[in-house]
Amino acid sequence: MSEAGPDLQVRVAVIYYSATGNVRGMARAVAEGAEGEGAEVRLRPVAELSEELRISADQYWGRHRSEVDEGPVARIEDLEWADGLAFGTPTRFGNVAAQLKVFLDLAGELWQQGKLIDKVATSFTSSQTSHGGQESTILALNNTLYHWGAIVLPLGYTVHEVFNGGGNPYGASFTSGHSVDGPDEETRLVARAQGARLARVAQAIRAARESGLLPAGKTALP
């Protein structure tokens, strides 16, 4: 991507919610994959919503919270800044975690202004069991992206590791069991591939926009 020049360096925001650290580990791998393609990356967790007392009462939730407290949290401005967006969430009854969903819902003004149109976006998730709602969670998350007019980018069977990791073409996913040690290397390989694919496609879309081949998006409302 360096051949495109510094003015066309692709920008990727990896935005996620993680309670115990498994999704955080996946988010880091996605970010590594994008950085490997020369992207400028912002890795940002969304703000926590639950009460501090409830968090501290859970050993693993409290430990993870203390590890991420020092870093910046995701802001709506990150959505406008980025060319490519990766969203990560644990499954919550086969759906998106409330913390991430609230963040997505706050993007209404950018949506009205048409500033989310043609953003390249992809999703990843983690659940405790292999049938814990991984696919439905990603599909539910993507519903928001369709409304934005984003270009929804699946992982697909683009790397052999997808087959080895369970064959989820919707997006990288991790079955954690009772572990809070983060994703295994197989899952991280898939997540890195997803981040690299996001950076490459987002770079192509940005180049098309900069050259005038892709018209600027219109506002969502008349």
C-alpha atoms as a PDB file:
ATOM      1  CA  MET A   1       0.000   0.000   0.000  1.00  0.00           C
ATOM      2  CA  SER A   2       2.979   2.293   0.326  1.00  0.00           C
ATOM      3  CA  GLU A   3       2.951   2.716  -3.473  1.00  0.00           C
ATOM      4  CA  ALA A   4      -0.273   4.701  -3.124  1.00  0.00           C
ATOM      5  CA  GLY A   5       1.536   7.360  -1.118  1.00  0.00           C
ATOM      6  CA  PRO A   6       1.061   8.601   2.432  1.00  0.00           C
ATOM      7  CA  ASP A   7      -1.978  10.701   1.497  1.00  0.00           C
ATOM      8  CA  LEU A   8      -3.850   7.512   0.658  1.00  0.00           C
ATOM      9  CA  GLN A   9      -2.872   5.507   3.742  1.00  0.00           C
ATOM     10  CA  VAL A  10      -5.963   3.561   4.685  1.00  0.00           C
ATOM     11  CA  ARG A  11      -7.454   4.134   8.146  1.00  0.00           C
ATOM     12  CA  VAL A  12      -9.034   1.287  10.091  1.00  0.00           C
ATOM     13  CA  ALA A  13     -10.938   1.482  13.360  1.00  0.00           C
ATOM     14  CA  VAL A  14     -11.323  -1.745  15.339  1.00  0.00           C
ATOM     15  CA  ILE A  15     -14.159  -1.122  17.787  1.00  0.00           C
ATOM     16  CA  TYR A  16     -15.266  -3.792  20.221  1.00  0.00           C
ATOM     17  CA  TYR A  17     -16.782  -4.766  23.540  1.00  0.00           C
ATOM     18  CA  SER A  18     -15.159  -7.433  25.679  1.00  0.00           C
ATOM     19  CA  ALA A  19     -16.145  -8.457  29.186  1.00  0.00           C
ATOM     20  CA  THR A  20     -13.418 -10.961  30.072  1.00  0.00           C
ATOM     21  CA  GLY A  21     -10.838 -10.388  27.336  1.00  0.00           C
ATOM     22  CA  ASN A  22     -11.582 -12.965  24.643  1.00  0.00           C
ATOM     23  CA  VAL A  23     -13.014 -10.463  22.156  1.00  0.00           C
ATOM     24  CA  ARG A  24     -10.250  -8.057  23.083  1.00  0.00           C
ATOM     25  CA  GLY A  25      -7.688 -10.660  21.994  1.00  0.00           C
ATOM     26  CA  MET A  26      -9.505 -11.074  18.700  1.00  0.00           C
ATOM     27  CA  ALA A  27      -9.644  -7.301  18.215  1.00  0.00           C
ATOM     28  CA  ARG A  28      -5.888  -7.071  18.682  1.00  0.00           C
ATOM     29  CA  ALA A  29      -5.374  -9.746  16.031  1.00  0.00           C
ATOM     30  CA  VAL A  30      -7.692  -7.945  13.594  1.00  0.00           C
ATOM     31  CA  ALA A  31      -5.718  -4.753  14.219  1.00  0.00           C
ATOM     32  CA  GLU A  32      -2.433  -6.592  13.615  1.00  0.00           C
ATOM     33  CA  GLY A  33      -3.720  -7.883  10.296  1.00  0.00           C
ATOM     34  CA  ALA A  34      -4.716  -4.381   9.187  1.00  0.00           C
ATOM     35  CA  GLU A  35      -1.409  -2.907  10.328  1.00  0.00           C
ATOM     36  CA  GLY A  36       0.402  -5.602   8.358  1.00  0.00           C
ATOM     37  CA  GLU A  37      -1.187  -4.114   5.235  1.00  0.00           C
ATOM     38  CA  GLY A  38       0.102  -0.649   6.127  1.00  0.00           C
ATOM     39  CA  ALA A  39      -3.097   0.700   7.668  1.00  0.00           C
ATOM     40  CA  GLU A  40      -3.234   3.314  10.400  1.00  0.00           C
ATOM     41  CA  VAL A  41      -5.278   1.625  13.104  1.00  0.00           C
ATOM     42  CA  ARG A  42      -7.296   2.809  16.078  1.00  0.00           C
ATOM     43  CA  LEU A  43      -8.056  -0.056  18.484  1.00  0.00           C
ATOM     44  CA  ARG A  44     -10.868   1.081  20.782  1.00  0.00           C
ATOM     45  CA  PRO A  45     -13.198  -0.612  23.278  1.00  0.00           C
ATOM     46  CA  VAL A  46     -16.649   0.917  23.736  1.00  0.00           C
ATOM     47  CA  ALA A  47     -17.656   2.353  27.088  1.00  0.00           C
ATOM     48  CA  GLU A  48     -18.904   0.008  29.790  1.00  0.00           C
ATOM     49  CA  LEU A  49     -22.547   0.320  30.853  1.00  0.00           C
ATOM     50  CA  SER A  50     -22.815  -2.064  33.782  1.00  0.00           C
ATOM     51  CA  GLU A  51     -22.547  -0.981  37.408  1.00  0.00           C
ATOM     52  CA  GLU A  52     -19.077  -1.045  38.949  1.00  0.00           C
ATOM     53  CA  LEU A  53     -20.281  -3.205  41.836  1.00  0.00           C
ATOM     54  CA  ARG A  54     -21.535  -5.880  39.454  1.00  0.00           C
ATOM     55  CA  ILE A  55     -18.305  -5.811  37.462  1.00  0.00           C
ATOM     56  CA  SER A  56     -16.049  -6.021  40.515  1.00  0.00           C
ATOM     57  CA  ALA A  57     -18.055  -8.948  41.878  1.00  0.00           C
ATOM     58  CA  ASP A  58     -17.010 -11.051  38.877  1.00  0.00           C
ATOM     59  CA  GLN A  59     -13.338 -12.013  39.111  1.00  0.00           C
ATOM     60  CA  TYR A  60     -12.636 -12.145  35.374  1.00  0.00           C
ATOM     61  CA  TRP A  61     -14.845  -9.219  34.385  1.00  0.00           C
ATOM     62  CA  GLY A  62     -13.269  -7.027  37.049  1.00  0.00           C
ATOM     63  CA  ARG A  63      -9.735  -8.059  36.099  1.00  0.00           C
ATOM     64  CA  HIS A  64     -10.296  -7.291  32.443  1.00  0.00           C
ATOM     65  CA  ARG A  65     -11.907  -3.947  33.247  1.00  0.00           C
ATOM     66  CA  SER A  66      -8.833  -2.890  35.232  1.00  0.00           C
ATOM     67  CA  GLU A  67      -6.598  -3.784  32.276  1.00  0.00           C
ATOM     68  CA  VAL A  68      -8.429  -1.590  29.757  1.00  0.00           C
ATOM     69  CA  ASP A  69      -9.356   1.370  31.961  1.00  0.00           C
ATOM     70  CA  GLU A  70      -6.270   3.383  31.054  1.00  0.00           C
ATOM     71  CA  GLY A  71      -6.782   3.427  27.286  1.00  0.00           C
ATOM     72  CA  PRO A  72      -9.082   5.615  25.177  1.00  0.00           C
ATOM     73  CA  VAL A  73     -12.601   4.396  24.490  1.00  0.00           C
ATOM     74  CA  ALA A  74     -14.321   4.470  21.128  1.00  0.00           C
ATOM     75  CA  ARG A  75     -15.909   7.725  20.037  1.00  0.00           C
ATOM     76  CA  ILE A  76     -18.394   8.381  17.259  1.00  0.00           C
ATOM     77  CA  GLU A  77     -15.706  10.487  15.577  1.00  0.00           C
ATOM     78  CA  ASP A  78     -13.737   7.280  15.018  1.00  0.00           C
ATOM     79  CA  LEU A  79     -16.448   6.093  12.621  1.00  0.00           C
ATOM     80  CA  GLU A  80     -16.095   9.200  10.464  1.00  0.00           C
ATOM     81  CA  TRP A  81     -12.289   9.027  10.582  1.00  0.00           C
ATOM     82  CA  ALA A  82     -11.998   5.456   9.396  1.00  0.00           C
ATOM     83  CA  ASP A  83     -12.155   4.031   5.886  1.00  0.00           C
ATOM     84  CA  GLY A  84     -12.575   0.513   7.256  1.00  0.00           C
ATOM     85  CA  LEU A  85     -14.442  -0.558  10.382  1.00  0.00           C
ATOM     86  CA  ALA A  86     -14.205  -3.822  12.313  1.00  0.00           C
ATOM     87  CA  PHE A  87     -16.727  -4.461  15.080  1.00  0.00           C
ATOM     88  CA  GLY A  88     -16.310  -7.160  17.706  1.00  0.00           C
ATOM     89  CA  THR A  89     -18.780  -8.376  20.313  1.00  0.00           C
ATOM     90  CA  PRO A  90     -19.399 -11.383  22.512  1.00  0.00           C
ATOM     91  CA  THR A  91     -22.707 -13.106  21.888  1.00  0.00           C
ATOM     92  CA  ARG A  92     -25.566 -12.062  24.136  1.00  0.00           C
ATOM     93  CA  PHE A  93     -28.453 -14.485  23.628  1.00  0.00           C
ATOM     94  CA  GLY A  94     -27.421 -14.763  19.987  1.00  0.00           C
ATOM     95  CA  ASN A  95     -27.303 -10.991  19.634  1.00  0.00           C
ATOM     96  CA  VAL A  96     -25.000  -7.986  19.975  1.00  0.00           C
ATOM     97  CA  ALA A  97     -23.807  -6.975  23.441  1.00  0.00           C
ATOM     98  CA  ALA A  98     -25.712  -3.939  24.732  1.00  0.00           C
ATOM     99  CA  GLN A  99     -22.511  -1.942  25.193  1.00  0.00           C
ATOM    100  CA  LEU A 100     -21.643  -2.125  21.502  1.00  0.00           C
ATOM    101  CA  LYS A 101     -25.255  -1.727  20.385  1.00  0.00           C
ATOM    102  CA  VAL A 102     -25.581   1.548  22.310  1.00  0.00           C
ATOM    103  CA  PHE A 103     -22.457   2.854  20.571  1.00  0.00           C
ATOM    104  CA  LEU A 104     -23.824   1.910  17.156  1.00  0.00           C
ATOM    105  CA  ASP A 105     -27.158   3.553  17.951  1.00  0.00           C
ATOM    106  CA  LEU A 106     -25.394   6.830  18.703  1.00  0.00           C
ATOM    107  CA  ALA A 107     -24.214   7.097  15.097  1.00  0.00           C
ATOM    108  CA  GLY A 108     -27.542   8.538  13.945  1.00  0.00           C
ATOM    109  CA  GLU A 109     -26.211  11.995  13.114  1.00  0.00           C
ATOM    110  CA  LEU A 110     -23.420  10.601  10.931  1.00  0.00           C
ATOM    111  CA  TRP A 111     -25.998   8.382   9.218  1.00  0.00           C
ATOM    112  CA  GLN A 112     -28.261  11.379   8.528  1.00  0.00           C
ATOM    113  CA  GLN A 113     -25.330  13.251   7.000  1.00  0.00           C
ATOM    114  CA  GLY A 114     -24.444  10.310   4.765  1.00  0.00           C
ATOM    115  CA  LYS A 115     -20.992  10.003   6.333  1.00  0.00           C
ATOM    116  CA  LEU A 116     -21.242   6.246   6.860  1.00  0.00           C
ATOM    117  CA  ILE A 117     -22.025   5.425   3.242  1.00  0.00           C
ATOM    118  CA  ASP A 118     -19.414   3.166   1.596  1.00  0.00           C
ATOM    119  CA  LYS A 119     -17.501   2.578   4.799  1.00  0.00           C
ATOM    120  CA  VAL A 120     -16.115  -0.939   4.509  1.00  0.00           C
ATOM    121  CA  ALA A 121     -17.201  -2.849   7.610  1.00  0.00           C
ATOM    122  CA  THR A 122     -16.707  -6.337   9.000  1.00  0.00           C
ATOM    123  CA  SER A 123     -17.689  -8.152  12.209  1.00  0.00           C
ATOM    124  CA  PHE A 124     -16.297 -10.798  14.578  1.00  0.00           C
ATOM    125  CA  THR A 125     -17.487 -12.483  17.757  1.00  0.00           C
ATOM    126  CA  SER A 126     -16.885 -14.971  20.561  1.00  0.00           C
ATOM    127  CA  SER A 127     -19.175 -17.282  22.503  1.00  0.00           C
ATOM    128  CA  GLN A 128     -18.763 -19.844  25.254  1.00  0.00           C
ATOM    129  CA  THR A 129     -20.147 -22.753  23.214  1.00  0.00           C
ATOM    130  CA  SER A 130     -19.867 -23.708  19.564  1.00  0.00           C
ATOM    131  CA  HIS A 131     -23.615 -23.236  19.076  1.00  0.00           C
ATOM    132  CA  GLY A 132     -23.859 -20.157  21.261  1.00  0.00           C
ATOM    133  CA  GLY A 133     -25.106 -17.805  18.557  1.00  0.00           C
ATOM    134  CA  GLN A 134     -21.948 -16.770  16.720  1.00  0.00           C
ATOM    135  CA  GLU A 135     -23.516 -16.575  13.274  1.00  0.00           C
ATOM    136  CA  SER A 136     -26.730 -14.907  14.456  1.00  0.00           C
ATOM    137  CA  THR A 137     -24.711 -12.336  16.404  1.00  0.00           C
ATOM    138  CA  ILE A 138     -22.707 -11.321  13.351  1.00  0.00           C
ATOM    139  CA  LEU A 139     -25.820 -11.241  11.171  1.00  0.00           C
ATOM    140  CA  ALA A 140     -27.623  -9.088  13.746  1.00  0.00           C
ATOM    141  CA  LEU A 141     -24.703  -6.687  13.956  1.00  0.00           C
ATOM    142  CA  ASN A 142     -24.585  -6.422  10.181  1.00  0.00           C
ATOM    143  CA  ASN A 143     -28.216  -5.258  10.085  1.00  0.00           C
ATOM    144  CA  THR A 144     -27.026  -1.894  11.399  1.00  0.00           C
ATOM    145  CA  LEU A 145     -24.337  -1.729   8.736  1.00  0.00           C
ATOM    146  CA  TYR A 146     -26.884  -2.303   5.971  1.00  0.00           C
ATOM    147  CA  HIS A 147     -28.857   0.709   7.175  1.00  0.00           C
ATOM    148  CA  TRP A 148     -25.705   2.805   7.144  1.00  0.00           C
ATOM    149  CA  GLY A 149     -25.105   2.011   3.488  1.00  0.00           C
ATOM    150  CA  ALA A 150     -21.786   0.471   4.454  1.00  0.00           C
ATOM    151  CA  ILE A 151     -20.049  -2.116   2.297  1.00  0.00           C
ATOM    152  CA  VAL A 152     -20.398  -5.217   4.458  1.00  0.00           C
ATOM    153  CA  LEU A 153     -17.304  -7.377   4.107  1.00  0.00           C
ATOM    154  CA  PRO A 154     -17.557 -11.021   5.163  1.00  0.00           C
ATOM    155  CA  LEU A 155     -14.510 -13.091   5.927  1.00  0.00           C
ATOM    156  CA  GLY A 156     -15.611 -15.776   3.495  1.00  0.00           C
ATOM    157  CA  TYR A 157     -13.539 -18.875   2.902  1.00  0.00           C
ATOM    158  CA  THR A 158     -10.584 -16.673   1.988  1.00  0.00           C
ATOM    159  CA  VAL A 159      -7.938 -18.487   4.045  1.00  0.00           C
ATOM    160  CA  HIS A 160      -7.493 -22.169   4.867  1.00  0.00           C
ATOM    161  CA  GLU A 161      -7.620 -21.357   8.566  1.00  0.00           C
ATOM    162  CA  VAL A 162     -11.338 -20.602   8.267  1.00  0.00           C
ATOM    163  CA  PHE A 163     -11.983 -24.291   7.641  1.00  0.00           C
ATOM    164  CA  ASN A 164      -9.663 -25.332  10.455  1.00  0.00           C
ATOM    165  CA  GLY A 165     -11.278 -22.864  12.849  1.00  0.00           C
ATOM    166  CA  GLY A 166     -14.805 -24.164  12.342  1.00  0.00           C
ATOM    167  CA  GLY A 167     -15.729 -22.730   8.965  1.00  0.00           C
ATOM    168  CA  ASN A 168     -17.512 -19.487   9.800  1.00  0.00           C
ATOM    169  CA  PRO A 169     -17.481 -17.358   6.619  1.00  0.00           C
ATOM    170  CA  TYR A 170     -19.459 -14.556   8.269  1.00  0.00           C
ATOM    171  CA  GLY A 171     -16.537 -13.385  10.391  1.00  0.00           C
ATOM    172  CA  ALA A 172     -13.870 -14.639  12.761  1.00  0.00           C
ATOM    173  CA  SER A 173     -15.358 -16.370  15.788  1.00  0.00           C
ATOM    174  CA  PHE A 174     -13.968 -18.039  18.879  1.00  0.00           C
ATOM    175  CA  THR A 175     -15.477 -20.724  21.081  1.00  0.00           C
ATOM    176  CA  SER A 176     -14.036 -19.963  24.487  1.00  0.00           C
ATOM    177  CA  GLY A 177     -15.497 -22.640  26.742  1.00  0.00           C
ATOM    178  CA  HIS A 178     -14.693 -21.501  30.269  1.00  0.00           C
ATOM    179  CA  SER A 179     -11.389 -19.933  29.241  1.00  0.00           C
ATOM    180  CA  VAL A 180     -10.679 -16.223  29.643  1.00  0.00           C
ATOM    181  CA  ASP A 181      -7.147 -16.472  28.281  1.00  0.00           C
ATOM    182  CA  GLY A 182      -8.087 -15.075  24.904  1.00  0.00           C
ATOM    183  CA  PRO A 183      -8.365 -16.751  21.505  1.00  0.00           C
ATOM    184  CA  ASP A 184      -6.060 -19.565  20.466  1.00  0.00           C
ATOM    185  CA  GLU A 185      -3.499 -19.092  17.716  1.00  0.00           C
ATOM    186  CA  GLU A 186      -5.788 -20.631  15.101  1.00  0.00           C
ATOM    187  CA  THR A 187      -8.460 -18.032  15.835  1.00  0.00           C
ATOM    188  CA  ARG A 188      -5.896 -15.235  15.858  1.00  0.00           C
ATOM    189  CA  LEU A 189      -4.692 -16.315  12.408  1.00  0.00           C
ATOM    190  CA  VAL A 190      -8.239 -16.045  11.078  1.00  0.00           C
ATOM    191  CA  ALA A 191      -8.751 -12.662  12.781  1.00  0.00           C
ATOM    192  CA  ARG A 192      -5.502 -11.333  11.316  1.00  0.00           C
ATOM    193  CA  ALA A 193      -6.606 -12.462   7.874  1.00  0.00           C
ATOM    194  CA  GLN A 194      -9.917 -10.661   8.361  1.00  0.00           C
ATOM    195  CA  GLY A 195      -8.132  -7.457   9.390  1.00  0.00           C
ATOM    196  CA  ALA A 196      -5.798  -7.672   6.401  1.00  0.00           C
ATOM    197  CA  ARG A 197      -8.719  -8.249   4.021  1.00  0.00           C
ATOM    198  CA  LEU A 198     -10.539  -5.256   5.514  1.00  0.00           C
ATOM    199  CA  ALA A 199      -7.514  -2.999   5.015  1.00  0.00           C
ATOM    200  CA  ARG A 200      -7.024  -4.081   1.406  1.00  0.00           C
ATOM    201  CA  VAL A 201     -10.654  -3.577   0.397  1.00  0.00           C
ATOM    202  CA  ALA A 202     -10.940  -0.292   2.301  1.00  0.00           C
ATOM    203  CA  GLN A 203      -7.794   0.910   0.534  1.00  0.00           C
ATOM    204  CA  ALA A 204      -9.351   0.130  -2.847  1.00  0.00           C
ATOM    205  CA  ILE A 205     -12.568   1.958  -1.951  1.00  0.00           C
ATOM    206  CA  ARG A 206     -10.661   4.977  -0.664  1.00  0.00           C
ATOM    207  CA  ALA A 207      -8.551   5.107  -3.818  1.00  0.00           C
ATOM    208  CA  ALA A 208     -11.706   4.957  -5.947  1.00  0.00           C
ATOM    209  CA  ARG A 209     -13.226   7.814  -3.964  1.00  0.00           C
ATOM    210  CA  GLU A 210     -10.062   9.929  -4.151  1.00  0.00           C
ATOM    211  CA  SER A 211      -9.836   9.429  -7.913  1.00  0.00           C
ATOM    212  CA  GLY A 212     -13.489  10.308  -8.475  1.00  0.00           C
ATOM    213  CA  LEU A 213     -14.489   6.820  -9.627  1.00  0.00           C
ATOM    214  CA  LEU A 214     -16.756   6.457  -6.618  1.00  0.00           C
ATOM    215  CA  PRO A 215     -19.105   9.409  -6.014  1.00  0.00           C
ATOM    216  CA  ALA A 216     -19.463  10.770  -2.512  1.00  0.00           C
ATOM    217  CA  GLY A 217     -22.392   9.368  -0.562  1.00  0.00           C
ATOM    218  CA  LYS A 218     -25.632  11.290  -0.316  1.00  0.00           C
ATOM    219  CA  THR A 219     -27.352  12.161   2.928  1.00  0.00           C
ATOM    220  CA  ALA A 220     -29.686   9.534   4.263  1.00  0.00           C
ATOM    221  CA  LEU A 221     -32.593  11.937   4.580  1.00  0.00           C
ATOM    222  CA  PRO A 222     -33.931  14.415   1.975  1.00  0.00           C
END
